[in-house]
């Protein structure tokens, strides 16, 4: 699965041409820059995935799910 994700991510030009906030302004651009500097190596992709998921998890801690109106 990781291999397929890596292949898809690194082969799509439109994914690589977006504009992100400067790395010093947000977590995701910094993680992405590290992966980009490694030329999208598989090990960097795994590290990127782990770090961004951990940042997402930390960002969502304490956020409760919305409840449907009755």
PDB file of N, CA and C in Angstrom:
ATOM      1  N   UNK A   1       0.811  -1.176   0.000  1.00  0.00           N
ATOM      2  CA  UNK A   1       0.000   0.000   0.000  1.00  0.00           C
ATOM      3  C   UNK A   1       0.870   1.262   0.000  1.00  0.00           C
ATOM      4  N   UNK A   2       1.884   1.273   0.846  1.00  0.00           N
ATOM      5  CA  UNK A   2       2.770   2.434   0.914  1.00  0.00           C
ATOM      6  C   UNK A   2       3.465   2.641  -0.420  1.00  0.00           C
ATOM      7  N   UNK A   3       3.886   1.560  -1.045  1.00  0.00           N
ATOM      8  CA  UNK A   3       4.532   1.657  -2.341  1.00  0.00           C
ATOM      9  C   UNK A   3       3.619   2.278  -3.390  1.00  0.00           C
ATOM     10  N   UNK A   4       2.360   1.869  -3.390  1.00  0.00           N
ATOM     11  CA  UNK A   4       1.402   2.428  -4.345  1.00  0.00           C
ATOM     12  C   UNK A   4       1.145   3.905  -4.074  1.00  0.00           C
ATOM     13  N   UNK A   5       1.007   4.264  -2.795  1.00  0.00           N
ATOM     14  CA  UNK A   5       0.809   5.671  -2.450  1.00  0.00           C
ATOM     15  C   UNK A   5       2.008   6.509  -2.876  1.00  0.00           C
ATOM     16  N   UNK A   6       3.196   5.996  -2.594  1.00  0.00           N
ATOM     17  CA  UNK A   6       4.411   6.724  -2.961  1.00  0.00           C
ATOM     18  C   UNK A   6       4.484   6.917  -4.471  1.00  0.00           C
ATOM     19  N   UNK A   7       4.212   5.860  -5.223  1.00  0.00           N
ATOM     20  CA  UNK A   7       4.268   5.944  -6.682  1.00  0.00           C
ATOM     21  C   UNK A   7       3.253   6.962  -7.204  1.00  0.00           C
ATOM     22  N   UNK A   8       2.041   6.922  -6.687  1.00  0.00           N
ATOM     23  CA  UNK A   8       1.004   7.859  -7.111  1.00  0.00           C
ATOM     24  C   UNK A   8       1.389   9.288  -6.757  1.00  0.00           C
ATOM     25  N   UNK A   9       1.852   9.493  -5.542  1.00  0.00           N
ATOM     26  CA  UNK A   9       2.201  10.839  -5.076  1.00  0.00           C
ATOM     27  C   UNK A   9       3.355  11.424  -5.870  1.00  0.00           C
ATOM     28  N   UNK A  10       4.379  10.638  -6.117  1.00  0.00           N
ATOM     29  CA  UNK A  10       5.564  11.169  -6.785  1.00  0.00           C
ATOM     30  C   UNK A  10       5.418  11.259  -8.308  1.00  0.00           C
ATOM     31  N   UNK A  11       4.385  10.652  -8.874  1.00  0.00           N
ATOM     32  CA  UNK A  11       4.230  10.679 -10.328  1.00  0.00           C
ATOM     33  C   UNK A  11       3.246  11.732 -10.823  1.00  0.00           C
ATOM     34  N   UNK A  12       2.542  12.383  -9.922  1.00  0.00           N
ATOM     35  CA  UNK A  12       1.543  13.371 -10.336  1.00  0.00           C
ATOM     36  C   UNK A  12       2.126  14.775 -10.260  1.00  0.00           C
ATOM     37  N   UNK A  13       2.311  15.383 -11.408  1.00  0.00           N
ATOM     38  CA  UNK A  13       2.890  16.720 -11.463  1.00  0.00           C
ATOM     39  C   UNK A  13       2.033  17.759 -10.756  1.00  0.00           C
ATOM     40  N   UNK A  14       0.707  17.637 -10.836  1.00  0.00           N
ATOM     41  CA  UNK A  14      -0.140  18.654 -10.215  1.00  0.00           C
ATOM     42  C   UNK A  14      -0.014  18.657  -8.690  1.00  0.00           C
ATOM     43  N   UNK A  15       0.338  17.527  -8.104  1.00  0.00           N
ATOM     44  CA  UNK A  15       0.548  17.470  -6.659  1.00  0.00           C
ATOM     45  C   UNK A  15       1.804  18.262  -6.290  1.00  0.00           C
ATOM     46  N   UNK A  16       2.777  18.250  -7.164  1.00  0.00           N
ATOM     47  CA  UNK A  16       4.059  18.864  -6.860  1.00  0.00           C
ATOM     48  C   UNK A  16       4.130  20.331  -7.253  1.00  0.00           C
ATOM     49  N   UNK A  17       3.111  20.876  -7.858  1.00  0.00           N
ATOM     50  CA  UNK A  17       3.190  22.254  -8.318  1.00  0.00           C
ATOM     51  C   UNK A  17       2.350  23.217  -7.487  1.00  0.00           C
ATOM     52  N   UNK A  18       1.771  22.755  -6.395  1.00  0.00           N
ATOM     53  CA  UNK A  18       0.977  23.622  -5.538  1.00  0.00           C
ATOM     54  C   UNK A  18       1.849  24.596  -4.766  1.00  0.00           C
ATOM     55  N   UNK A  19       1.218  25.591  -4.193  1.00  0.00           N
ATOM     56  CA  UNK A  19       1.929  26.583  -3.402  1.00  0.00           C
ATOM     57  C   UNK A  19       1.502  26.419  -1.947  1.00  0.00           C
ATOM     58  N   UNK A  20       2.460  26.242  -1.076  1.00  0.00           N
ATOM     59  CA  UNK A  20       2.185  26.074   0.342  1.00  0.00           C
ATOM     60  C   UNK A  20       2.691  27.282   1.106  1.00  0.00           C
ATOM     61  N   UNK A  21       2.253  27.401   2.320  1.00  0.00           N
ATOM     62  CA  UNK A  21       2.784  28.436   3.197  1.00  0.00           C
ATOM     63  C   UNK A  21       4.281  28.177   3.391  1.00  0.00           C
ATOM     64  N   UNK A  22       5.052  29.204   3.724  1.00  0.00           N
ATOM     65  CA  UNK A  22       6.473  28.980   3.987  1.00  0.00           C
ATOM     66  C   UNK A  22       6.662  27.951   5.104  1.00  0.00           C
ATOM     67  N   UNK A  23       7.701  27.117   5.026  1.00  0.00           N
ATOM     68  CA  UNK A  23       7.916  26.072   6.035  1.00  0.00           C
ATOM     69  C   UNK A  23       7.970  26.601   7.456  1.00  0.00           C
ATOM     70  N   UNK A  24       8.427  27.817   7.641  1.00  0.00           N
ATOM     71  CA  UNK A  24       8.500  28.349   9.004  1.00  0.00           C
ATOM     72  C   UNK A  24       7.134  28.778   9.545  1.00  0.00           C
ATOM     73  N   UNK A  25       6.114  28.850   8.685  1.00  0.00           N
ATOM     74  CA  UNK A  25       4.786  29.294   9.106  1.00  0.00           C
ATOM     75  C   UNK A  25       3.823  28.168   9.456  1.00  0.00           C
ATOM     76  N   UNK A  26       4.119  26.942   9.058  1.00  0.00           N
ATOM     77  CA  UNK A  26       3.193  25.836   9.297  1.00  0.00           C
ATOM     78  C   UNK A  26       3.952  24.520   9.287  1.00  0.00           C
ATOM     79  N   UNK A  27       3.384  23.510   9.927  1.00  0.00           N
ATOM     80  CA  UNK A  27       4.050  22.200  10.008  1.00  0.00           C
ATOM     81  C   UNK A  27       4.105  21.480   8.672  1.00  0.00           C
ATOM     82  N   UNK A  28       2.970  21.378   7.988  1.00  0.00           N
ATOM     83  CA  UNK A  28       2.908  20.583   6.766  1.00  0.00           C
ATOM     84  C   UNK A  28       3.935  21.017   5.724  1.00  0.00           C
ATOM     85  N   UNK A  29       4.052  22.315   5.425  1.00  0.00           N
ATOM     86  CA  UNK A  29       5.048  22.712   4.410  1.00  0.00           C
ATOM     87  C   UNK A  29       6.475  22.326   4.793  1.00  0.00           C
ATOM     88  N   UNK A  30       6.789  22.390   6.066  1.00  0.00           N
ATOM     89  CA  UNK A  30       8.128  21.983   6.506  1.00  0.00           C
ATOM     90  C   UNK A  30       8.371  20.508   6.285  1.00  0.00           C
ATOM     91  N   UNK A  31       7.395  19.686   6.637  1.00  0.00           N
ATOM     92  CA  UNK A  31       7.513  18.247   6.420  1.00  0.00           C
ATOM     93  C   UNK A  31       7.622  17.945   4.930  1.00  0.00           C
ATOM     94  N   UNK A  32       6.817  18.643   4.127  1.00  0.00           N
ATOM     95  CA  UNK A  32       6.833  18.426   2.686  1.00  0.00           C
ATOM     96  C   UNK A  32       8.175  18.840   2.091  1.00  0.00           C
ATOM     97  N   UNK A  33       8.737  19.944   2.572  1.00  0.00           N
ATOM     98  CA  UNK A  33      10.020  20.415   2.053  1.00  0.00           C
ATOM     99  C   UNK A  33      11.119  19.379   2.295  1.00  0.00           C
ATOM    100  N   UNK A  34      11.113  18.765   3.470  1.00  0.00           N
ATOM    101  CA  UNK A  34      12.101  17.720   3.764  1.00  0.00           C
ATOM    102  C   UNK A  34      11.947  16.570   2.780  1.00  0.00           C
ATOM    103  N   UNK A  35      10.718  16.171   2.513  1.00  0.00           N
ATOM    104  CA  UNK A  35      10.487  15.082   1.579  1.00  0.00           C
ATOM    105  C   UNK A  35      10.905  15.492   0.170  1.00  0.00           C
ATOM    106  N   UNK A  36      10.608  16.715  -0.212  1.00  0.00           N
ATOM    107  CA  UNK A  36      10.968  17.212  -1.530  1.00  0.00           C
ATOM    108  C   UNK A  36      12.497  17.255  -1.692  1.00  0.00           C
ATOM    109  N   UNK A  37      13.189  17.692  -0.665  1.00  0.00           N
ATOM    110  CA  UNK A  37      14.652  17.765  -0.726  1.00  0.00           C
ATOM    111  C   UNK A  37      15.292  16.395  -0.852  1.00  0.00           C
ATOM    112  N   UNK A  38      14.585  15.360  -0.397  1.00  0.00           N
ATOM    113  CA  UNK A  38      15.110  13.996  -0.514  1.00  0.00           C
ATOM    114  C   UNK A  38      14.757  13.388  -1.868  1.00  0.00           C
ATOM    115  N   UNK A  39      14.180  14.204  -2.750  1.00  0.00           N
ATOM    116  CA  UNK A  39      13.742  13.759  -4.075  1.00  0.00           C
ATOM    117  C   UNK A  39      12.669  12.681  -3.978  1.00  0.00           C
ATOM    118  N   UNK A  40      11.817  12.835  -2.979  1.00  0.00           N
ATOM    119  CA  UNK A  40      10.662  11.963  -2.766  1.00  0.00           C
ATOM    120  C   UNK A  40      11.055  10.496  -2.597  1.00  0.00           C
ATOM    121  N   UNK A  41      12.142  10.286  -1.877  1.00  0.00           N
ATOM    122  CA  UNK A  41      12.579   8.920  -1.576  1.00  0.00           C
ATOM    123  C   UNK A  41      11.514   8.214  -0.740  1.00  0.00           C
ATOM    124  N   UNK A  42      11.434   6.923  -0.870  1.00  0.00           N
ATOM    125  CA  UNK A  42      10.411   6.164  -0.147  1.00  0.00           C
ATOM    126  C   UNK A  42      10.547   6.336   1.361  1.00  0.00           C
ATOM    127  N   UNK A  43      11.769   6.332   1.876  1.00  0.00           N
ATOM    128  CA  UNK A  43      11.960   6.503   3.320  1.00  0.00           C
ATOM    129  C   UNK A  43      11.492   7.885   3.773  1.00  0.00           C
ATOM    130  N   UNK A  44      11.700   8.909   2.950  1.00  0.00           N
ATOM    131  CA  UNK A  44      11.234  10.255   3.284  1.00  0.00           C
ATOM    132  C   UNK A  44       9.708  10.325   3.229  1.00  0.00           C
ATOM    133  N   UNK A  45       9.113   9.600   2.298  1.00  0.00           N
ATOM    134  CA  UNK A  45       7.660   9.552   2.208  1.00  0.00           C
ATOM    135  C   UNK A  45       7.071   8.930   3.468  1.00  0.00           C
ATOM    136  N   UNK A  46       7.683   7.861   3.960  1.00  0.00           N
ATOM    137  CA  UNK A  46       7.214   7.230   5.198  1.00  0.00           C
ATOM    138  C   UNK A  46       7.354   8.184   6.379  1.00  0.00           C
ATOM    139  N   UNK A  47       8.475   8.859   6.466  1.00  0.00           N
ATOM    140  CA  UNK A  47       8.690   9.821   7.548  1.00  0.00           C
ATOM    141  C   UNK A  47       7.668  10.955   7.456  1.00  0.00           C
ATOM    142  N   UNK A  48       7.453  11.468   6.260  1.00  0.00           N
ATOM    143  CA  UNK A  48       6.462  12.522   6.029  1.00  0.00           C
ATOM    144  C   UNK A  48       5.078  12.059   6.494  1.00  0.00           C
ATOM    145  N   UNK A  49       4.706  10.841   6.128  1.00  0.00           N
ATOM    146  CA  UNK A  49       3.397  10.305   6.498  1.00  0.00           C
ATOM    147  C   UNK A  49       3.254  10.200   8.013  1.00  0.00           C
ATOM    148  N   UNK A  50       4.267   9.677   8.664  1.00  0.00           N
ATOM    149  CA  UNK A  50       4.215   9.537  10.128  1.00  0.00           C
ATOM    150  C   UNK A  50       4.109  10.899  10.806  1.00  0.00           C
ATOM    151  N   UNK A  51       4.949  11.835  10.389  1.00  0.00           N
ATOM    152  CA  UNK A  51       4.982  13.141  11.050  1.00  0.00           C
ATOM    153  C   UNK A  51       3.708  13.933  10.816  1.00  0.00           C
ATOM    154  N   UNK A  52       3.176  13.903   9.615  1.00  0.00           N
ATOM    155  CA  UNK A  52       1.953  14.660   9.357  1.00  0.00           C
ATOM    156  C   UNK A  52       0.755  14.030  10.055  1.00  0.00           C
ATOM    157  N   UNK A  53       0.711  12.712  10.134  1.00  0.00           N
ATOM    158  CA  UNK A  53      -0.388  12.067  10.850  1.00  0.00           C
ATOM    159  C   UNK A  53      -0.303  12.342  12.349  1.00  0.00           C
ATOM    160  N   UNK A  54       0.906  12.367  12.876  1.00  0.00           N
ATOM    161  CA  UNK A  54       1.071  12.692  14.296  1.00  0.00           C
ATOM    162  C   UNK A  54       0.651  14.141  14.559  1.00  0.00           C
ATOM    163  N   UNK A  55       1.031  15.061  13.666  1.00  0.00           N
ATOM    164  CA  UNK A  55       0.637  16.461  13.817  1.00  0.00           C
ATOM    165  C   UNK A  55      -0.880  16.600  13.726  1.00  0.00           C
ATOM    166  N   UNK A  56      -1.504  15.865  12.816  1.00  0.00           N
ATOM    167  CA  UNK A  56      -2.954  15.894  12.679  1.00  0.00           C
ATOM    168  C   UNK A  56      -3.614  15.359  13.946  1.00  0.00           C
ATOM    169  N   UNK A  57      -3.099  14.257  14.454  1.00  0.00           N
ATOM    170  CA  UNK A  57      -3.651  13.671  15.673  1.00  0.00           C
ATOM    171  C   UNK A  57      -3.557  14.657  16.833  1.00  0.00           C
ATOM    172  N   UNK A  58      -2.407  15.291  16.996  1.00  0.00           N
ATOM    173  CA  UNK A  58      -2.240  16.263  18.071  1.00  0.00           C
ATOM    174  C   UNK A  58      -3.159  17.463  17.880  1.00  0.00           C
ATOM    175  N   UNK A  59      -3.329  17.877  16.634  1.00  0.00           N
ATOM    176  CA  UNK A  59      -4.198  19.003  16.345  1.00  0.00           C
ATOM    177  C   UNK A  59      -5.669  18.722  16.612  1.00  0.00           C
ATOM    178  N   UNK A  60      -6.042  17.449  16.510  1.00  0.00           N
ATOM    179  CA  UNK A  60      -7.440  17.077  16.712  1.00  0.00           C
ATOM    180  C   UNK A  60      -7.766  16.680  18.143  1.00  0.00           C
ATOM    181  N   UNK A  61      -6.768  16.548  18.982  1.00  0.00           N
ATOM    182  CA  UNK A  61      -7.032  16.176  20.371  1.00  0.00           C
ATOM    183  C   UNK A  61      -7.887  17.258  21.019  1.00  0.00           C
ATOM    184  N   UNK A  62      -8.908  16.839  21.688  1.00  0.00           N
ATOM    185  CA  UNK A  62      -9.790  17.764  22.350  1.00  0.00           C
ATOM    186  C   UNK A  62     -10.897  18.318  21.471  1.00  0.00           C
ATOM    187  N   UNK A  63     -10.856  18.012  20.177  1.00  0.00           N
ATOM    188  CA  UNK A  63     -11.925  18.455  19.271  1.00  0.00           C
ATOM    189  C   UNK A  63     -13.022  17.401  19.292  1.00  0.00           C
ATOM    190  N   UNK A  64     -14.201  17.819  19.647  1.00  0.00           N
ATOM    191  CA  UNK A  64     -15.303  16.846  19.683  1.00  0.00           C
ATOM    192  C   UNK A  64     -16.036  16.851  18.358  1.00  0.00           C
ATOM    193  N   UNK A  65     -16.590  15.716  18.032  1.00  0.00           N
ATOM    194  CA  UNK A  65     -17.327  15.572  16.771  1.00  0.00           C
ATOM    195  C   UNK A  65     -18.636  16.338  16.881  1.00  0.00           C
ATOM    196  N   UNK A  66     -19.083  16.938  15.788  1.00  0.00           N
ATOM    197  CA  UNK A  66     -20.366  17.634  15.818  1.00  0.00           C
ATOM    198  C   UNK A  66     -21.506  16.632  16.018  1.00  0.00           C
ATOM    199  N   UNK A  67     -22.538  17.087  16.656  1.00  0.00           N
ATOM    200  CA  UNK A  67     -23.706  16.227  16.884  1.00  0.00           C
ATOM    201  C   UNK A  67     -24.840  16.652  15.967  1.00  0.00           C
ATOM    202  N   UNK A  68     -25.560  15.678  15.484  1.00  0.00           N
ATOM    203  CA  UNK A  68     -26.679  15.960  14.593  1.00  0.00           C
ATOM    204  C   UNK A  68     -27.804  16.640  15.378  1.00  0.00           C
ATOM    205  N   UNK A  69     -28.453  17.579  14.739  1.00  0.00           N
ATOM    206  CA  UNK A  69     -29.590  18.247  15.360  1.00  0.00           C
ATOM    207  C   UNK A  69     -30.766  17.284  15.438  1.00  0.00           C
ATOM    208  N   UNK A  70     -31.490  17.384  16.512  1.00  0.00           N
ATOM    209  CA  UNK A  70     -32.654  16.490  16.648  1.00  0.00           C
ATOM    210  C   UNK A  70     -33.927  17.245  16.491  1.00  0.00           C
TER     211      UNK A  70
END
